[in-house]
Amino acid sequence: QVHLVESGGGLVQAGGSLSLSCAASGLTIVRYTMAWFRQAPGKEREFVAATRYPGGRSYYTDSVKDRFTISRENAKNTVTLQMNSLKPEDTAVYYCAADASLILSSLRMSDQYDHWGQGTQVTVSS
């Protein structure tokens, strides 16, 4: 059975940093596209970042480019999202997602991912 467990969320002031982790069990992340999505109150779930399988290339939504970095730690079966220069508009529940067979055009579509974590809250105060 696949489990994705997020950790690292919390309350931070604008301009601060947080590092989110997604620990996977029941799958080997080296053979999966791993992604982060977020959902703010009253809004739809949106794509944040992904590291694609195969190839390992990273993709970001425009609003987080140059501030967030997604990375894999294959030996730990963990994916990390390093978030710097946080803004109040980054406030959301952040979810980790995984899929084994995504095509590139589906990378940013939440309904294309088979496996999800339960989310971790990130709150950025102004």
N, C-alpha and C. Protein backbone atom coordinates (compact mmCIF):
# COMPACT_ATOMS: atom_id res chain seq x y z
N GLN A 1 0.84 -1.19 0.00
CA GLN A 1 0.00 0.00 0.00
C GLN A 1 0.89 1.25 0.00
N VAL A 2 0.52 2.21 -0.82
CA VAL A 2 1.33 3.43 -0.95
C VAL A 2 0.91 4.45 0.10
N HIS A 3 1.91 5.03 0.73
CA HIS A 3 1.68 6.14 1.65
C HIS A 3 2.65 7.25 1.33
N LEU A 4 2.12 8.47 1.28
CA LEU A 4 2.94 9.68 1.16
C LEU A 4 2.64 10.54 2.39
N VAL A 5 3.68 10.87 3.14
CA VAL A 5 3.50 11.62 4.38
C VAL A 5 4.29 12.91 4.31
N GLU A 6 3.56 14.02 4.34
CA GLU A 6 4.21 15.33 4.30
C GLU A 6 4.53 15.81 5.71
N SER A 7 5.59 16.58 5.81
CA SER A 7 5.96 17.21 7.07
C SER A 7 6.70 18.50 6.78
N GLY A 8 6.83 19.33 7.81
CA GLY A 8 7.62 20.55 7.68
C GLY A 8 6.83 21.83 7.57
N GLY A 9 5.51 21.73 7.50
CA GLY A 9 4.71 22.93 7.43
C GLY A 9 4.73 23.70 8.74
N GLY A 10 4.14 24.91 8.70
CA GLY A 10 4.09 25.71 9.90
C GLY A 10 3.79 27.15 9.60
N LEU A 11 4.02 27.99 10.59
CA LEU A 11 3.78 29.43 10.49
C LEU A 11 5.12 30.14 10.35
N VAL A 12 5.20 31.02 9.35
CA VAL A 12 6.45 31.75 9.11
C VAL A 12 6.09 33.16 8.67
N GLN A 13 6.97 34.10 8.95
CA GLN A 13 6.76 35.47 8.50
C GLN A 13 7.14 35.61 7.03
N ALA A 14 6.53 36.59 6.39
CA ALA A 14 6.87 36.87 4.99
C ALA A 14 8.38 37.10 4.86
N GLY A 15 8.94 36.53 3.81
CA GLY A 15 10.38 36.60 3.61
C GLY A 15 11.14 35.44 4.19
N GLY A 16 10.47 34.64 5.00
CA GLY A 16 11.12 33.50 5.64
C GLY A 16 11.16 32.27 4.75
N SER A 17 11.62 31.17 5.33
CA SER A 17 11.80 29.92 4.59
C SER A 17 11.20 28.74 5.34
N LEU A 18 10.79 27.76 4.60
CA LEU A 18 10.36 26.47 5.14
C LEU A 18 10.83 25.38 4.19
N SER A 19 11.04 24.19 4.75
CA SER A 19 11.38 23.04 3.94
C SER A 19 10.36 21.94 4.20
N LEU A 20 9.64 21.57 3.17
CA LEU A 20 8.65 20.50 3.27
C LEU A 20 9.28 19.19 2.81
N SER A 21 8.92 18.12 3.48
CA SER A 21 9.37 16.79 3.09
C SER A 21 8.19 15.89 2.82
N CYS A 22 8.38 14.98 1.88
CA CYS A 22 7.37 13.97 1.56
C CYS A 22 8.06 12.61 1.62
N ALA A 23 7.72 11.85 2.63
CA ALA A 23 8.31 10.52 2.80
C ALA A 23 7.38 9.49 2.18
N ALA A 24 7.92 8.70 1.26
CA ALA A 24 7.11 7.72 0.54
C ALA A 24 7.38 6.31 1.04
N SER A 25 6.32 5.53 1.10
CA SER A 25 6.44 4.09 1.36
C SER A 25 5.49 3.36 0.43
N GLY A 26 5.84 2.13 0.10
CA GLY A 26 5.02 1.36 -0.83
C GLY A 26 5.31 1.66 -2.29
N LEU A 27 6.22 2.57 -2.54
CA LEU A 27 6.69 2.84 -3.89
C LEU A 27 8.12 3.34 -3.80
N THR A 28 8.82 3.23 -4.92
CA THR A 28 10.20 3.73 -5.00
C THR A 28 10.19 4.99 -5.84
N ILE A 29 10.50 6.13 -5.24
CA ILE A 29 10.29 7.40 -5.92
C ILE A 29 11.16 7.55 -7.16
N VAL A 30 12.23 6.80 -7.26
CA VAL A 30 13.13 6.94 -8.41
C VAL A 30 12.40 6.62 -9.71
N ARG A 31 11.31 5.88 -9.64
CA ARG A 31 10.56 5.51 -10.84
C ARG A 31 9.21 6.22 -10.93
N TYR A 32 9.08 7.31 -10.19
CA TYR A 32 7.83 8.06 -10.18
C TYR A 32 8.09 9.55 -10.45
N THR A 33 7.14 10.17 -11.11
CA THR A 33 7.07 11.62 -11.11
C THR A 33 6.51 12.04 -9.75
N MET A 34 7.25 12.94 -9.10
CA MET A 34 6.85 13.41 -7.77
C MET A 34 6.54 14.91 -7.86
N ALA A 35 5.47 15.31 -7.22
CA ALA A 35 5.03 16.69 -7.36
C ALA A 35 4.51 17.24 -6.04
N TRP A 36 4.46 18.56 -5.99
CA TRP A 36 3.81 19.28 -4.91
C TRP A 36 2.68 20.12 -5.51
N PHE A 37 1.54 20.05 -4.86
CA PHE A 37 0.41 20.91 -5.18
C PHE A 37 0.05 21.67 -3.91
N ARG A 38 -0.77 22.70 -4.05
CA ARG A 38 -1.26 23.42 -2.88
C ARG A 38 -2.69 23.86 -3.10
N GLN A 39 -3.38 24.03 -1.99
CA GLN A 39 -4.77 24.47 -2.05
C GLN A 39 -5.02 25.48 -0.95
N ALA A 40 -5.37 26.68 -1.34
CA ALA A 40 -5.73 27.74 -0.40
C ALA A 40 -7.23 27.70 -0.16
N PRO A 41 -7.70 28.24 0.96
CA PRO A 41 -9.13 28.23 1.26
C PRO A 41 -9.96 28.87 0.13
N GLY A 42 -10.98 28.15 -0.30
CA GLY A 42 -11.86 28.67 -1.34
C GLY A 42 -11.30 28.62 -2.75
N LYS A 43 -10.14 28.01 -2.90
CA LYS A 43 -9.52 27.93 -4.23
C LYS A 43 -9.31 26.49 -4.63
N GLU A 44 -9.10 26.29 -5.92
CA GLU A 44 -8.81 24.96 -6.43
C GLU A 44 -7.37 24.57 -6.12
N ARG A 45 -7.14 23.27 -6.10
CA ARG A 45 -5.78 22.78 -5.90
C ARG A 45 -4.95 23.16 -7.12
N GLU A 46 -3.75 23.68 -6.87
CA GLU A 46 -2.92 24.13 -7.97
C GLU A 46 -1.53 23.50 -7.93
N PHE A 47 -0.97 23.33 -9.10
CA PHE A 47 0.36 22.78 -9.24
C PHE A 47 1.40 23.76 -8.71
N VAL A 48 2.40 23.22 -8.02
CA VAL A 48 3.50 24.04 -7.52
C VAL A 48 4.82 23.65 -8.20
N ALA A 49 5.17 22.38 -8.10
CA ALA A 49 6.45 21.93 -8.64
C ALA A 49 6.41 20.42 -8.84
N ALA A 50 7.27 19.95 -9.74
CA ALA A 50 7.37 18.51 -9.97
C ALA A 50 8.77 18.16 -10.42
N THR A 51 9.17 16.94 -10.11
CA THR A 51 10.39 16.37 -10.65
C THR A 51 9.98 15.11 -11.40
N ARG A 52 10.26 15.09 -12.67
CA ARG A 52 9.64 14.12 -13.56
C ARG A 52 10.46 12.85 -13.70
N TYR A 53 9.74 11.75 -13.83
CA TYR A 53 10.33 10.48 -14.24
C TYR A 53 9.75 10.13 -15.60
N PRO A 54 10.58 9.77 -16.53
CA PRO A 54 12.04 9.68 -16.48
C PRO A 54 12.71 11.03 -16.71
N GLY A 55 13.96 11.09 -16.44
CA GLY A 55 14.75 12.27 -16.76
C GLY A 55 15.13 13.12 -15.58
N GLY A 56 14.21 13.26 -14.61
CA GLY A 56 14.54 14.01 -13.41
C GLY A 56 14.46 15.51 -13.55
N ARG A 57 13.97 16.02 -14.67
CA ARG A 57 13.88 17.46 -14.84
C ARG A 57 12.83 18.03 -13.90
N SER A 58 13.06 19.26 -13.44
CA SER A 58 12.13 19.93 -12.52
C SER A 58 11.29 20.97 -13.25
N TYR A 59 10.06 21.12 -12.77
CA TYR A 59 9.12 22.07 -13.36
C TYR A 59 8.47 22.85 -12.22
N TYR A 60 8.17 24.13 -12.48
CA TYR A 60 7.59 24.99 -11.46
C TYR A 60 6.49 25.85 -12.04
N THR A 61 5.53 26.19 -11.20
CA THR A 61 4.60 27.20 -11.61
C THR A 61 5.30 28.56 -11.54
N ASP A 62 4.87 29.49 -12.38
CA ASP A 62 5.60 30.75 -12.51
C ASP A 62 5.73 31.51 -11.20
N SER A 63 4.73 31.43 -10.35
CA SER A 63 4.72 32.24 -9.13
C SER A 63 5.76 31.80 -8.11
N VAL A 64 6.34 30.60 -8.28
CA VAL A 64 7.32 30.14 -7.30
C VAL A 64 8.71 29.97 -7.89
N LYS A 65 8.85 30.19 -9.17
CA LYS A 65 10.17 30.07 -9.80
C LYS A 65 11.16 31.00 -9.11
N ASP A 66 12.36 30.53 -8.93
CA ASP A 66 13.46 31.26 -8.29
C ASP A 66 13.28 31.42 -6.79
N ARG A 67 12.18 30.87 -6.23
CA ARG A 67 11.97 30.90 -4.78
C ARG A 67 11.90 29.49 -4.20
N PHE A 68 11.30 28.57 -4.95
CA PHE A 68 11.12 27.20 -4.46
C PHE A 68 12.03 26.25 -5.25
N THR A 69 12.47 25.20 -4.58
CA THR A 69 13.28 24.16 -5.23
C THR A 69 12.78 22.80 -4.81
N ILE A 70 12.48 21.95 -5.80
CA ILE A 70 12.09 20.58 -5.52
C ILE A 70 13.30 19.69 -5.74
N SER A 71 13.46 18.72 -4.85
CA SER A 71 14.60 17.81 -4.99
C SER A 71 14.23 16.42 -4.47
N ARG A 72 14.94 15.44 -4.98
CA ARG A 72 14.75 14.06 -4.56
C ARG A 72 15.92 13.61 -3.69
N GLU A 73 15.61 12.82 -2.69
CA GLU A 73 16.63 12.09 -1.93
C GLU A 73 16.29 10.62 -2.09
N ASN A 74 16.78 10.04 -3.17
CA ASN A 74 16.36 8.68 -3.51
C ASN A 74 16.72 7.67 -2.43
N ALA A 75 17.85 7.85 -1.80
CA ALA A 75 18.27 6.90 -0.76
C ALA A 75 17.30 6.90 0.42
N LYS A 76 16.67 8.04 0.66
CA LYS A 76 15.70 8.15 1.75
C LYS A 76 14.27 8.00 1.26
N ASN A 77 14.10 7.83 -0.06
CA ASN A 77 12.76 7.75 -0.65
C ASN A 77 11.91 8.95 -0.27
N THR A 78 12.53 10.12 -0.35
CA THR A 78 11.91 11.36 0.11
C THR A 78 12.06 12.45 -0.94
N VAL A 79 11.04 13.29 -1.04
CA VAL A 79 11.09 14.47 -1.90
C VAL A 79 10.96 15.70 -1.00
N THR A 80 11.75 16.70 -1.31
CA THR A 80 11.77 17.91 -0.51
C THR A 80 11.38 19.11 -1.35
N LEU A 81 10.64 20.05 -0.75
CA LEU A 81 10.34 21.33 -1.38
C LEU A 81 10.91 22.42 -0.48
N GLN A 82 11.99 23.03 -0.92
CA GLN A 82 12.59 24.12 -0.19
C GLN A 82 11.93 25.41 -0.65
N MET A 83 11.35 26.13 0.30
CA MET A 83 10.60 27.34 -0.02
C MET A 83 11.27 28.54 0.63
N ASN A 84 11.75 29.46 -0.19
CA ASN A 84 12.41 30.67 0.29
C ASN A 84 11.60 31.90 -0.09
N SER A 85 11.91 33.00 0.55
CA SER A 85 11.24 34.28 0.24
C SER A 85 9.73 34.12 0.21
N LEU A 86 9.21 33.49 1.23
CA LEU A 86 7.77 33.18 1.27
C LEU A 86 6.93 34.44 1.33
N LYS A 87 5.77 34.35 0.71
CA LYS A 87 4.83 35.46 0.64
C LYS A 87 3.50 35.03 1.25
N PRO A 88 2.70 35.98 1.71
CA PRO A 88 1.38 35.60 2.26
C PRO A 88 0.55 34.80 1.28
N GLU A 89 0.69 35.06 0.00
CA GLU A 89 -0.09 34.33 -1.00
C GLU A 89 0.37 32.88 -1.17
N ASP A 90 1.47 32.50 -0.52
CA ASP A 90 1.89 31.10 -0.52
C ASP A 90 1.14 30.28 0.54
N THR A 91 0.35 30.94 1.35
CA THR A 91 -0.41 30.26 2.40
C THR A 91 -1.38 29.26 1.78
N ALA A 92 -1.28 28.01 2.20
CA ALA A 92 -2.11 26.94 1.65
C ALA A 92 -1.79 25.64 2.36
N VAL A 93 -2.60 24.63 2.09
CA VAL A 93 -2.22 23.27 2.44
C VAL A 93 -1.43 22.71 1.26
N TYR A 94 -0.26 22.18 1.55
CA TYR A 94 0.62 21.65 0.52
C TYR A 94 0.54 20.13 0.52
N TYR A 95 0.34 19.59 -0.68
CA TYR A 95 0.17 18.15 -0.86
C TYR A 95 1.29 17.58 -1.72
N CYS A 96 1.75 16.41 -1.36
CA CYS A 96 2.69 15.64 -2.17
C CYS A 96 1.89 14.66 -3.02
N ALA A 97 2.34 14.47 -4.26
CA ALA A 97 1.66 13.56 -5.17
C ALA A 97 2.68 12.75 -5.95
N ALA A 98 2.26 11.57 -6.40
CA ALA A 98 3.15 10.69 -7.15
C ALA A 98 2.38 9.97 -8.24
N ASP A 99 3.07 9.77 -9.36
CA ASP A 99 2.49 8.97 -10.43
C ASP A 99 3.60 8.32 -11.23
N ALA A 100 3.32 7.10 -11.69
CA ALA A 100 4.36 6.33 -12.38
C ALA A 100 4.40 6.54 -13.88
N SER A 101 3.33 7.11 -14.45
CA SER A 101 3.26 7.08 -15.91
C SER A 101 2.70 8.36 -16.50
N LEU A 102 3.09 9.50 -16.00
CA LEU A 102 2.59 10.77 -16.52
C LEU A 102 3.31 11.18 -17.79
N ILE A 103 2.54 11.67 -18.74
CA ILE A 103 3.17 12.31 -19.88
C ILE A 103 3.39 13.78 -19.52
N LEU A 104 4.28 14.41 -20.25
CA LEU A 104 4.69 15.76 -19.89
C LEU A 104 3.51 16.73 -19.86
N SER A 105 2.61 16.60 -20.79
CA SER A 105 1.48 17.53 -20.87
C SER A 105 0.52 17.39 -19.69
N SER A 106 0.63 16.32 -18.94
CA SER A 106 -0.26 16.08 -17.79
C SER A 106 0.39 16.42 -16.46
N LEU A 107 1.61 16.86 -16.50
CA LEU A 107 2.40 17.06 -15.29
C LEU A 107 1.72 17.98 -14.28
N ARG A 108 1.02 18.99 -14.77
CA ARG A 108 0.46 20.02 -13.89
C ARG A 108 -1.01 19.78 -13.54
N MET A 109 -1.50 18.62 -13.91
CA MET A 109 -2.92 18.30 -13.71
C MET A 109 -3.08 17.41 -12.49
N SER A 110 -3.74 17.90 -11.47
CA SER A 110 -3.86 17.15 -10.23
C SER A 110 -4.62 15.84 -10.43
N ASP A 111 -5.60 15.83 -11.34
CA ASP A 111 -6.40 14.62 -11.50
C ASP A 111 -5.65 13.49 -12.21
N GLN A 112 -4.43 13.75 -12.64
CA GLN A 112 -3.63 12.73 -13.31
C GLN A 112 -2.74 11.94 -12.34
N TYR A 113 -2.68 12.35 -11.11
CA TYR A 113 -1.81 11.71 -10.13
C TYR A 113 -2.58 10.63 -9.36
N ASP A 114 -1.95 9.49 -9.21
CA ASP A 114 -2.60 8.36 -8.55
C ASP A 114 -2.49 8.38 -7.03
N HIS A 115 -1.42 8.96 -6.51
CA HIS A 115 -1.15 8.84 -5.08
C HIS A 115 -0.98 10.23 -4.46
N TRP A 116 -1.57 10.39 -3.27
CA TRP A 116 -1.56 11.69 -2.59
C TRP A 116 -1.28 11.52 -1.11
N GLY A 117 -0.62 12.52 -0.56
CA GLY A 117 -0.51 12.61 0.89
C GLY A 117 -1.68 13.37 1.45
N GLN A 118 -1.70 13.53 2.76
CA GLN A 118 -2.82 14.19 3.42
C GLN A 118 -2.61 15.69 3.57
N GLY A 119 -1.42 16.17 3.29
CA GLY A 119 -1.19 17.59 3.27
C GLY A 119 -0.57 18.13 4.54
N THR A 120 0.09 19.27 4.39
CA THR A 120 0.67 19.98 5.54
C THR A 120 0.40 21.47 5.35
N GLN A 121 -0.01 22.12 6.44
CA GLN A 121 -0.41 23.53 6.36
C GLN A 121 0.83 24.43 6.38
N VAL A 122 0.84 25.38 5.46
CA VAL A 122 1.85 26.43 5.44
C VAL A 122 1.12 27.76 5.56
N THR A 123 1.47 28.54 6.56
CA THR A 123 0.86 29.84 6.77
C THR A 123 1.96 30.90 6.80
N VAL A 124 1.82 31.89 5.94
CA VAL A 124 2.81 32.97 5.86
C VAL A 124 2.14 34.27 6.31
N SER A 125 2.64 34.83 7.38
CA SER A 125 2.05 36.06 7.91
C SER A 125 2.75 37.29 7.30
N SER A 126 1.98 38.34 7.16
CA SER A 126 2.53 39.57 6.55
C SER A 126 3.13 40.48 7.60
